[in-house]
Amino acid sequence: MQDLPSPEEMARRIYDLVVRNHTPLYGRWSGWRMAGTVLVDPSGTRFTPERLRGMAWHQDASTRLNNTVARNAKKNPTQCVRVVVVDLADWQERHFGKRAG
């Protein structure tokens, strides 16, 4: 049979749970815990709600950007860019006459 914790140990666990909100998580989240309003991973990295929202926003934005790039690549598989180098004086003379230059 499993040994029960001592009354002092139970009091410390209850204090951590109720006062400090130190809550261990279970299942797939085993090793993670809540410490106050912060989620803490097994290595000790702390995730505030703001940081988690920012990470979720970044992941969503990256997914949308990648989808848009892929969709546009299907529409225009190759895009040609033409560069024309023209002497400015010749261009002005052609468009505005001799008085422009």
PDB file of N, CA and C in Angstrom:
ATOM      1  N   MET A   1       0.839  -1.181   0.000  1.00  0.00           N
ATOM      2  CA  MET A   1       0.000   0.000   0.000  1.00  0.00           C
ATOM      3  C   MET A   1       0.883   1.243   0.000  1.00  0.00           C
ATOM      4  N   GLN A   2       0.394   2.273  -0.599  1.00  0.00           N
ATOM      5  CA  GLN A   2       1.162   3.512  -0.726  1.00  0.00           C
ATOM      6  C   GLN A   2       1.182   4.245   0.618  1.00  0.00           C
ATOM      7  N   ASP A   3       2.387   4.734   0.983  1.00  0.00           N
ATOM      8  CA  ASP A   3       2.500   5.499   2.224  1.00  0.00           C
ATOM      9  C   ASP A   3       1.862   6.866   2.053  1.00  0.00           C
ATOM     10  N   LEU A   4       1.117   7.268   3.034  1.00  0.00           N
ATOM     11  CA  LEU A   4       0.496   8.587   3.016  1.00  0.00           C
ATOM     12  C   LEU A   4       1.501   9.632   3.476  1.00  0.00           C
ATOM     13  N   PRO A   5       1.431  10.842   2.930  1.00  0.00           N
ATOM     14  CA  PRO A   5       2.354  11.879   3.378  1.00  0.00           C
ATOM     15  C   PRO A   5       2.026  12.299   4.813  1.00  0.00           C
ATOM     16  N   SER A   6       3.022  12.837   5.458  1.00  0.00           N
ATOM     17  CA  SER A   6       2.832  13.300   6.836  1.00  0.00           C
ATOM     18  C   SER A   6       1.913  14.519   6.843  1.00  0.00           C
ATOM     19  N   PRO A   7       1.327  14.835   7.979  1.00  0.00           N
ATOM     20  CA  PRO A   7       0.475  16.025   8.051  1.00  0.00           C
ATOM     21  C   PRO A   7       1.222  17.307   7.668  1.00  0.00           C
ATOM     22  N   GLU A   8       2.503  17.399   8.022  1.00  0.00           N
ATOM     23  CA  GLU A   8       3.285  18.583   7.656  1.00  0.00           C
ATOM     24  C   GLU A   8       3.460  18.679   6.133  1.00  0.00           C
ATOM     25  N   GLU A   9       3.726  17.527   5.499  1.00  0.00           N
ATOM     26  CA  GLU A   9       3.876  17.489   4.043  1.00  0.00           C
ATOM     27  C   GLU A   9       2.559  17.866   3.365  1.00  0.00           C
ATOM     28  N   MET A  10       1.447  17.338   3.865  1.00  0.00           N
ATOM     29  CA  MET A  10       0.142  17.682   3.298  1.00  0.00           C
ATOM     30  C   MET A  10      -0.157  19.167   3.486  1.00  0.00           C
ATOM     31  N   ALA A  11       0.189  19.715   4.637  1.00  0.00           N
ATOM     32  CA  ALA A  11      -0.039  21.140   4.887  1.00  0.00           C
ATOM     33  C   ALA A  11       0.789  21.980   3.913  1.00  0.00           C
ATOM     34  N   ARG A  12       2.038  21.573   3.643  1.00  0.00           N
ATOM     35  CA  ARG A  12       2.877  22.311   2.708  1.00  0.00           C
ATOM     36  C   ARG A  12       2.304  22.231   1.295  1.00  0.00           C
ATOM     37  N   ARG A  13       1.827  21.044   0.898  1.00  0.00           N
ATOM     38  CA  ARG A  13       1.232  20.884  -0.428  1.00  0.00           C
ATOM     39  C   ARG A  13      -0.021  21.745  -0.586  1.00  0.00           C
ATOM     40  N   ILE A  14      -0.868  21.747   0.436  1.00  0.00           N
ATOM     41  CA  ILE A  14      -2.093  22.546   0.382  1.00  0.00           C
ATOM     42  C   ILE A  14      -1.746  24.034   0.336  1.00  0.00           C
ATOM     43  N   TYR A  15      -0.762  24.453   1.122  1.00  0.00           N
ATOM     44  CA  TYR A  15      -0.335  25.854   1.112  1.00  0.00           C
ATOM     45  C   TYR A  15       0.167  26.246  -0.283  1.00  0.00           C
ATOM     46  N   ASP A  16       1.023  25.402  -0.869  1.00  0.00           N
ATOM     47  CA  ASP A  16       1.537  25.688  -2.211  1.00  0.00           C
ATOM     48  C   ASP A  16       0.402  25.765  -3.233  1.00  0.00           C
ATOM     49  N   LEU A  17      -0.574  24.882  -3.097  1.00  0.00           N
ATOM     50  CA  LEU A  17      -1.690  24.840  -4.038  1.00  0.00           C
ATOM     51  C   LEU A  17      -2.608  26.053  -3.882  1.00  0.00           C
ATOM     52  N   VAL A  18      -2.999  26.366  -2.649  1.00  0.00           N
ATOM     53  CA  VAL A  18      -3.997  27.402  -2.424  1.00  0.00           C
ATOM     54  C   VAL A  18      -3.389  28.805  -2.432  1.00  0.00           C
ATOM     55  N   VAL A  19      -2.287  28.994  -1.731  1.00  0.00           N
ATOM     56  CA  VAL A  19      -1.730  30.331  -1.563  1.00  0.00           C
ATOM     57  C   VAL A  19      -0.833  30.716  -2.735  1.00  0.00           C
ATOM     58  N   ARG A  20       0.074  29.827  -3.145  1.00  0.00           N
ATOM     59  CA  ARG A  20       1.055  30.160  -4.169  1.00  0.00           C
ATOM     60  C   ARG A  20       0.656  29.683  -5.559  1.00  0.00           C
ATOM     61  N   ASN A  21      -0.445  28.935  -5.652  1.00  0.00           N
ATOM     62  CA  ASN A  21      -0.932  28.369  -6.915  1.00  0.00           C
ATOM     63  C   ASN A  21       0.169  27.585  -7.627  1.00  0.00           C
ATOM     64  N   HIS A  22       0.928  26.809  -6.883  1.00  0.00           N
ATOM     65  CA  HIS A  22       1.911  25.886  -7.467  1.00  0.00           C
ATOM     66  C   HIS A  22       1.188  24.573  -7.720  1.00  0.00           C
ATOM     67  N   THR A  23       0.797  24.373  -8.973  1.00  0.00           N
ATOM     68  CA  THR A  23      -0.018  23.229  -9.329  1.00  0.00           C
ATOM     69  C   THR A  23       0.728  22.367 -10.334  1.00  0.00           C
ATOM     70  N   PRO A  24       1.090  21.133  -9.977  1.00  0.00           N
ATOM     71  CA  PRO A  24       1.709  20.256 -10.977  1.00  0.00           C
ATOM     72  C   PRO A  24       0.651  19.813 -11.983  1.00  0.00           C
ATOM     73  N   LEU A  25       1.074  19.619 -13.226  1.00  0.00           N
ATOM     74  CA  LEU A  25       0.160  19.178 -14.275  1.00  0.00           C
ATOM     75  C   LEU A  25       0.439  17.711 -14.596  1.00  0.00           C
ATOM     76  N   TYR A  26      -0.523  17.045 -15.219  1.00  0.00           N
ATOM     77  CA  TYR A  26      -0.445  15.602 -15.419  1.00  0.00           C
ATOM     78  C   TYR A  26      -0.648  15.246 -16.883  1.00  0.00           C
ATOM     79  N   GLY A  27      -0.476  13.970 -17.196  1.00  0.00           N
ATOM     80  CA  GLY A  27      -0.687  13.472 -18.560  1.00  0.00           C
ATOM     81  C   GLY A  27       0.399  13.968 -19.493  1.00  0.00           C
ATOM     82  N   ARG A  28      -0.017  14.504 -20.637  1.00  0.00           N
ATOM     83  CA  ARG A  28       0.948  15.013 -21.615  1.00  0.00           C
ATOM     84  C   ARG A  28       1.718  16.199 -21.067  1.00  0.00           C
ATOM     85  N   TRP A  29       1.176  16.859 -20.034  1.00  0.00           N
ATOM     86  CA  TRP A  29       1.824  18.027 -19.437  1.00  0.00           C
ATOM     87  C   TRP A  29       2.652  17.638 -18.207  1.00  0.00           C
ATOM     88  N   SER A  30       2.919  16.367 -18.057  1.00  0.00           N
ATOM     89  CA  SER A  30       3.688  15.907 -16.906  1.00  0.00           C
ATOM     90  C   SER A  30       5.043  16.607 -16.856  1.00  0.00           C
ATOM     91  N   GLY A  31       5.394  17.143 -15.688  1.00  0.00           N
ATOM     92  CA  GLY A  31       6.636  17.881 -15.514  1.00  0.00           C
ATOM     93  C   GLY A  31       6.422  19.381 -15.572  1.00  0.00           C
ATOM     94  N   TRP A  32       5.352  19.816 -16.232  1.00  0.00           N
ATOM     95  CA  TRP A  32       5.001  21.229 -16.279  1.00  0.00           C
ATOM     96  C   TRP A  32       4.240  21.566 -15.001  1.00  0.00           C
ATOM     97  N   ARG A  33       4.172  22.847 -14.659  1.00  0.00           N
ATOM     98  CA  ARG A  33       3.408  23.244 -13.480  1.00  0.00           C
ATOM     99  C   ARG A  33       2.966  24.692 -13.620  1.00  0.00           C
ATOM    100  N   MET A  34       1.951  25.039 -12.850  1.00  0.00           N
ATOM    101  CA  MET A  34       1.515  26.423 -12.746  1.00  0.00           C
ATOM    102  C   MET A  34       2.166  26.990 -11.489  1.00  0.00           C
ATOM    103  N   ALA A  35       2.745  28.182 -11.625  1.00  0.00           N
ATOM    104  CA  ALA A  35       3.330  28.884 -10.475  1.00  0.00           C
ATOM    105  C   ALA A  35       2.762  30.296 -10.495  1.00  0.00           C
ATOM    106  N   GLY A  36       1.742  30.528  -9.720  1.00  0.00           N
ATOM    107  CA  GLY A  36       1.058  31.814  -9.772  1.00  0.00           C
ATOM    108  C   GLY A  36       0.312  31.904 -11.082  1.00  0.00           C
ATOM    109  N   THR A  37       0.575  32.965 -11.852  1.00  0.00           N
ATOM    110  CA  THR A  37      -0.082  33.114 -13.156  1.00  0.00           C
ATOM    111  C   THR A  37       0.834  32.686 -14.286  1.00  0.00           C
ATOM    112  N   VAL A  38       1.908  31.994 -13.963  1.00  0.00           N
ATOM    113  CA  VAL A  38       2.934  31.637 -14.940  1.00  0.00           C
ATOM    114  C   VAL A  38       2.952  30.121 -15.146  1.00  0.00           C
ATOM    115  N   LEU A  39       3.065  29.704 -16.402  1.00  0.00           N
ATOM    116  CA  LEU A  39       3.239  28.299 -16.741  1.00  0.00           C
ATOM    117  C   LEU A  39       4.739  28.029 -16.811  1.00  0.00           C
ATOM    118  N   VAL A  40       5.199  26.996 -16.114  1.00  0.00           N
ATOM    119  CA  VAL A  40       6.631  26.701 -16.043  1.00  0.00           C
ATOM    120  C   VAL A  40       6.872  25.326 -16.649  1.00  0.00           C
ATOM    121  N   ASP A  41       7.838  25.249 -17.604  1.00  0.00           N
ATOM    122  CA  ASP A  41       8.150  23.962 -18.224  1.00  0.00           C
ATOM    123  C   ASP A  41       9.150  23.197 -17.356  1.00  0.00           C
ATOM    124  N   PRO A  42       9.417  21.925 -17.675  1.00  0.00           N
ATOM    125  CA  PRO A  42      10.318  21.123 -16.836  1.00  0.00           C
ATOM    126  C   PRO A  42      11.725  21.700 -16.707  1.00  0.00           C
ATOM    127  N   SER A  43      12.199  22.455 -17.692  1.00  0.00           N
ATOM    128  CA  SER A  43      13.543  23.026 -17.592  1.00  0.00           C
ATOM    129  C   SER A  43      13.560  24.344 -16.828  1.00  0.00           C
ATOM    130  N   GLY A  44      12.377  24.860 -16.459  1.00  0.00           N
ATOM    131  CA  GLY A  44      12.308  26.079 -15.669  1.00  0.00           C
ATOM    132  C   GLY A  44      11.963  27.330 -16.452  1.00  0.00           C
ATOM    133  N   THR A  45      11.734  27.207 -17.755  1.00  0.00           N
ATOM    134  CA  THR A  45      11.347  28.373 -18.562  1.00  0.00           C
ATOM    135  C   THR A  45       9.943  28.791 -18.165  1.00  0.00           C
ATOM    136  N   ARG A  46       9.754  30.099 -17.948  1.00  0.00           N
ATOM    137  CA  ARG A  46       8.471  30.624 -17.498  1.00  0.00           C
ATOM    138  C   ARG A  46       7.744  31.283 -18.669  1.00  0.00           C
ATOM    139  N   PHE A  47       6.463  30.986 -18.782  1.00  0.00           N
ATOM    140  CA  PHE A  47       5.627  31.521 -19.848  1.00  0.00           C
ATOM    141  C   PHE A  47       4.485  32.318 -19.228  1.00  0.00           C
ATOM    142  N   THR A  48       4.519  33.632 -19.425  1.00  0.00           N
ATOM    143  CA  THR A  48       3.422  34.476 -18.960  1.00  0.00           C
ATOM    144  C   THR A  48       2.278  34.378 -19.965  1.00  0.00           C
ATOM    145  N   PRO A  49       1.067  34.760 -19.554  1.00  0.00           N
ATOM    146  CA  PRO A  49      -0.044  34.737 -20.517  1.00  0.00           C
ATOM    147  C   PRO A  49       0.233  35.616 -21.739  1.00  0.00           C
ATOM    148  N   GLU A  50       0.881  36.771 -21.532  1.00  0.00           N
ATOM    149  CA  GLU A  50       1.196  37.661 -22.644  1.00  0.00           C
ATOM    150  C   GLU A  50       2.168  36.997 -23.613  1.00  0.00           C
ATOM    151  N   ARG A  51       3.167  36.312 -23.065  1.00  0.00           N
ATOM    152  CA  ARG A  51       4.148  35.637 -23.920  1.00  0.00           C
ATOM    153  C   ARG A  51       3.488  34.520 -24.720  1.00  0.00           C
ATOM    154  N   LEU A  52       2.601  33.759 -24.084  1.00  0.00           N
ATOM    155  CA  LEU A  52       1.900  32.683 -24.792  1.00  0.00           C
ATOM    156  C   LEU A  52       1.009  33.252 -25.894  1.00  0.00           C
ATOM    157  N   ARG A  53       0.306  34.383 -25.614  1.00  0.00           N
ATOM    158  CA  ARG A  53      -0.508  35.016 -26.646  1.00  0.00           C
ATOM    159  C   ARG A  53       0.356  35.468 -27.813  1.00  0.00           C
ATOM    160  N   GLY A  54       1.515  36.052 -27.511  1.00  0.00           N
ATOM    161  CA  GLY A  54       2.428  36.505 -28.558  1.00  0.00           C
ATOM    162  C   GLY A  54       2.955  35.352 -29.388  1.00  0.00           C
ATOM    163  N   MET A  55       3.295  34.251 -28.736  1.00  0.00           N
ATOM    164  CA  MET A  55       3.791  33.086 -29.468  1.00  0.00           C
ATOM    165  C   MET A  55       2.692  32.496 -30.358  1.00  0.00           C
ATOM    166  N   ALA A  56       1.459  32.453 -29.849  1.00  0.00           N
ATOM    167  CA  ALA A  56       0.342  31.941 -30.653  1.00  0.00           C
ATOM    168  C   ALA A  56       0.074  32.863 -31.840  1.00  0.00           C
ATOM    169  N   TRP A  57       0.130  34.194 -31.612  1.00  0.00           N
ATOM    170  CA  TRP A  57      -0.076  35.150 -32.708  1.00  0.00           C
ATOM    171  C   TRP A  57       1.011  34.981 -33.764  1.00  0.00           C
ATOM    172  N   HIS A  58       2.267  34.846 -33.331  1.00  0.00           N
ATOM    173  CA  HIS A  58       3.384  34.696 -34.270  1.00  0.00           C
ATOM    174  C   HIS A  58       3.229  33.432 -35.113  1.00  0.00           C
ATOM    175  N   GLN A  59       2.843  32.340 -34.468  1.00  0.00           N
ATOM    176  CA  GLN A  59       2.654  31.086 -35.202  1.00  0.00           C
ATOM    177  C   GLN A  59       1.520  31.220 -36.219  1.00  0.00           C
ATOM    178  N   ASP A  60       0.415  31.855 -35.820  1.00  0.00           N
ATOM    179  CA  ASP A  60      -0.709  32.052 -36.730  1.00  0.00           C
ATOM    180  C   ASP A  60      -0.318  32.954 -37.894  1.00  0.00           C
ATOM    181  N   ALA A  61       0.397  34.051 -37.617  1.00  0.00           N
ATOM    182  CA  ALA A  61       0.826  34.970 -38.673  1.00  0.00           C
ATOM    183  C   ALA A  61       1.789  34.282 -39.637  1.00  0.00           C
ATOM    184  N   SER A  62       2.702  33.483 -39.115  1.00  0.00           N
ATOM    185  CA  SER A  62       3.653  32.764 -39.970  1.00  0.00           C
ATOM    186  C   SER A  62       2.931  31.766 -40.868  1.00  0.00           C
ATOM    187  N   THR A  63       1.944  31.081 -40.320  1.00  0.00           N
ATOM    188  CA  THR A  63       1.169  30.118 -41.114  1.00  0.00           C
ATOM    189  C   THR A  63       0.422  30.827 -42.232  1.00  0.00           C
ATOM    190  N   ARG A  64      -0.222  31.972 -41.895  1.00  0.00           N
ATOM    191  CA  ARG A  64      -0.946  32.713 -42.928  1.00  0.00           C
ATOM    192  C   ARG A  64      -0.002  33.234 -44.003  1.00  0.00           C
ATOM    193  N   LEU A  65       1.168  33.730 -43.598  1.00  0.00           N
ATOM    194  CA  LEU A  65       2.144  34.230 -44.571  1.00  0.00           C
ATOM    195  C   LEU A  65       2.624  33.107 -45.490  1.00  0.00           C
ATOM    196  N   ASN A  66       2.964  31.961 -44.913  1.00  0.00           N
ATOM    197  CA  ASN A  66       3.429  30.829 -45.720  1.00  0.00           C
ATOM    198  C   ASN A  66       2.341  30.361 -46.692  1.00  0.00           C
ATOM    199  N   ASN A  67       1.083  30.339 -46.231  1.00  0.00           N
ATOM    200  CA  ASN A  67      -0.018  29.941 -47.116  1.00  0.00           C
ATOM    201  C   ASN A  67      -0.190  30.937 -48.255  1.00  0.00           C
ATOM    202  N   THR A  68      -0.068  32.226 -47.962  1.00  0.00           N
ATOM    203  CA  THR A  68      -0.204  33.253 -48.994  1.00  0.00           C
ATOM    204  C   THR A  68       0.926  33.156 -50.009  1.00  0.00           C
ATOM    205  N   VAL A  69       2.144  32.959 -49.535  1.00  0.00           N
ATOM    206  CA  VAL A  69       3.292  32.824 -50.443  1.00  0.00           C
ATOM    207  C   VAL A  69       3.099  31.606 -51.346  1.00  0.00           C
ATOM    208  N   ALA A  70       2.656  30.497 -50.780  1.00  0.00           N
ATOM    209  CA  ALA A  70       2.443  29.283 -51.580  1.00  0.00           C
ATOM    210  C   ALA A  70       1.328  29.495 -52.599  1.00  0.00           C
ATOM    211  N   ARG A  71       0.244  30.160 -52.185  1.00  0.00           N
ATOM    212  CA  ARG A  71      -0.867  30.414 -53.100  1.00  0.00           C
ATOM    213  C   ARG A  71      -0.433  31.341 -54.237  1.00  0.00           C
ATOM    214  N   ASN A  72       0.332  32.379 -53.931  1.00  0.00           N
ATOM    215  CA  ASN A  72       0.803  33.300 -54.968  1.00  0.00           C
ATOM    216  C   ASN A  72       1.822  32.641 -55.891  1.00  0.00           C
ATOM    217  N   ALA A  73       2.604  31.709 -55.371  1.00  0.00           N
ATOM    218  CA  ALA A  73       3.570  31.002 -56.212  1.00  0.00           C
ATOM    219  C   ALA A  73       2.859  30.137 -57.252  1.00  0.00           C
ATOM    220  N   LYS A  74       1.685  29.616 -56.895  1.00  0.00           N
ATOM    221  CA  LYS A  74       0.913  28.826 -57.852  1.00  0.00           C
ATOM    222  C   LYS A  74       0.330  29.712 -58.950  1.00  0.00           C
ATOM    223  N   LYS A  75      -0.076  30.928 -58.599  1.00  0.00           N
ATOM    224  CA  LYS A  75      -0.658  31.846 -59.581  1.00  0.00           C
ATOM    225  C   LYS A  75       0.399  32.339 -60.571  1.00  0.00           C
ATOM    226  N   ASN A  76       1.526  32.796 -60.066  1.00  0.00           N
ATOM    227  CA  ASN A  76       2.592  33.363 -60.894  1.00  0.00           C
ATOM    228  C   ASN A  76       3.877  32.565 -60.664  1.00  0.00           C
ATOM    229  N   PRO A  77       4.046  31.453 -61.377  1.00  0.00           N
ATOM    230  CA  PRO A  77       5.224  30.629 -61.117  1.00  0.00           C
ATOM    231  C   PRO A  77       6.536  31.361 -61.387  1.00  0.00           C
ATOM    232  N   THR A  78       6.567  32.202 -62.430  1.00  0.00           N
ATOM    233  CA  THR A  78       7.787  32.966 -62.690  1.00  0.00           C
ATOM    234  C   THR A  78       7.404  34.415 -62.906  1.00  0.00           C
ATOM    235  N   GLN A  79       8.148  35.282 -62.319  1.00  0.00           N
ATOM    236  CA  GLN A  79       7.915  36.703 -62.498  1.00  0.00           C
ATOM    237  C   GLN A  79       9.155  37.300 -63.142  1.00  0.00           C
ATOM    238  N   CYS A  80       8.942  37.991 -64.264  1.00  0.00           N
ATOM    239  CA  CYS A  80      10.057  38.617 -64.958  1.00  0.00           C
ATOM    240  C   CYS A  80      10.159  40.068 -64.529  1.00  0.00           C
ATOM    241  N   VAL A  81      11.361  40.516 -64.346  1.00  0.00           N
ATOM    242  CA  VAL A  81      11.622  41.912 -64.048  1.00  0.00           C
ATOM    243  C   VAL A  81      12.530  42.438 -65.138  1.00  0.00           C
ATOM    244  N   ARG A  82      12.109  43.519 -65.778  1.00  0.00           N
ATOM    245  CA  ARG A  82      12.928  44.107 -66.824  1.00  0.00           C
ATOM    246  C   ARG A  82      13.494  45.420 -66.304  1.00  0.00           C
ATOM    247  N   VAL A  83      14.748  45.589 -66.539  1.00  0.00           N
ATOM    248  CA  VAL A  83      15.424  46.812 -66.132  1.00  0.00           C
ATOM    249  C   VAL A  83      15.909  47.508 -67.388  1.00  0.00           C
ATOM    250  N   VAL A  84      15.526  48.772 -67.524  1.00  0.00           N
ATOM    251  CA  VAL A  84      15.941  49.555 -68.678  1.00  0.00           C
ATOM    252  C   VAL A  84      16.774  50.711 -68.153  1.00  0.00           C
ATOM    253  N   VAL A  85      17.983  50.848 -68.676  1.00  0.00           N
ATOM    254  CA  VAL A  85      18.861  51.935 -68.276  1.00  0.00           C
ATOM    255  C   VAL A  85      18.835  52.973 -69.386  1.00  0.00           C
ATOM    256  N   VAL A  86      18.448  54.197 -69.008  1.00  0.00           N
ATOM    257  CA  VAL A  86      18.308  55.280 -69.984  1.00  0.00           C
ATOM    258  C   VAL A  86      19.083  56.478 -69.471  1.00  0.00           C
ATOM    259  N   ASP A  87      19.757  57.143 -70.369  1.00  0.00           N
ATOM    260  CA  ASP A  87      20.451  58.373 -70.008  1.00  0.00           C
ATOM    261  C   ASP A  87      19.399  59.438 -69.697  1.00  0.00           C
ATOM    262  N   LEU A  88      19.527  60.121 -68.572  1.00  0.00           N
ATOM    263  CA  LEU A  88      18.526  61.083 -68.129  1.00  0.00           C
ATOM    264  C   LEU A  88      18.364  62.230 -69.124  1.00  0.00           C
ATOM    265  N   ALA A  89      19.444  62.728 -69.669  1.00  0.00           N
ATOM    266  CA  ALA A  89      19.362  63.844 -70.628  1.00  0.00           C
ATOM    267  C   ALA A  89      18.603  63.434 -71.875  1.00  0.00           C
ATOM    268  N   ASP A  90      18.851  62.217 -72.372  1.00  0.00           N
ATOM    269  CA  ASP A  90      18.129  61.734 -73.545  1.00  0.00           C
ATOM    270  C   ASP A  90      16.641  61.581 -73.244  1.00  0.00           C
ATOM    271  N   TRP A  91      16.308  61.064 -72.087  1.00  0.00           N
ATOM    272  CA  TRP A  91      14.907  60.871 -71.709  1.00  0.00           C
ATOM    273  C   TRP A  91      14.188  62.215 -71.598  1.00  0.00           C
ATOM    274  N   GLN A  92      14.839  63.192 -70.936  1.00  0.00           N
ATOM    275  CA  GLN A  92      14.221  64.512 -70.796  1.00  0.00           C
ATOM    276  C   GLN A  92      14.025  65.173 -72.161  1.00  0.00           C
ATOM    277  N   GLU A  93      15.022  65.037 -73.026  1.00  0.00           N
ATOM    278  CA  GLU A  93      14.905  65.643 -74.355  1.00  0.00           C
ATOM    279  C   GLU A  93      13.765  65.005 -75.140  1.00  0.00           C
ATOM    280  N   ARG A  94      13.636  63.688 -75.038  1.00  0.00           N
ATOM    281  CA  ARG A  94      12.597  62.993 -75.760  1.00  0.00           C
ATOM    282  C   ARG A  94      11.209  63.377 -75.244  1.00  0.00           C
ATOM    283  N   HIS A  95      11.050  63.540 -73.922  1.00  0.00           N
ATOM    284  CA  HIS A  95       9.734  63.802 -73.345  1.00  0.00           C
ATOM    285  C   HIS A  95       9.403  65.284 -73.208  1.00  0.00           C
ATOM    286  N   PHE A  96      10.409  66.130 -73.015  1.00  0.00           N
ATOM    287  CA  PHE A  96      10.116  67.540 -72.736  1.00  0.00           C
ATOM    288  C   PHE A  96      10.747  68.490 -73.768  1.00  0.00           C
ATOM    289  N   GLY A  97      11.556  67.996 -74.646  1.00  0.00           N
ATOM    290  CA  GLY A  97      12.201  68.862 -75.634  1.00  0.00           C
ATOM    291  C   GLY A  97      13.498  69.436 -75.100  1.00  0.00           C
ATOM    292  N   LYS A  98      14.090  70.325 -75.873  1.00  0.00           N
ATOM    293  CA  LYS A  98      15.402  70.891 -75.542  1.00  0.00           C
ATOM    294  C   LYS A  98      15.341  71.851 -74.352  1.00  0.00           C
ATOM    295  N   ARG A  99      14.189  72.442 -74.084  1.00  0.00           N
ATOM    296  CA  ARG A  99      14.095  73.440 -73.032  1.00  0.00           C
ATOM    297  C   ARG A  99      14.192  72.839 -71.633  1.00  0.00           C
ATOM    298  N   ALA A 100      13.934  71.578 -71.487  1.00  0.00           N
ATOM    299  CA  ALA A 100      13.930  70.940 -70.170  1.00  0.00           C
ATOM    300  C   ALA A 100      15.331  70.751 -69.629  1.00  0.00           C
ATOM    301  N   GLY A 101      16.311  70.602 -70.470  1.00  0.00           N
ATOM    302  CA  GLY A 101      17.620  70.220 -70.002  1.00  0.00           C
ATOM    303  C   GLY A 101      18.565  71.340 -69.843  1.00  0.00           C
TER     304      GLY A 101
END
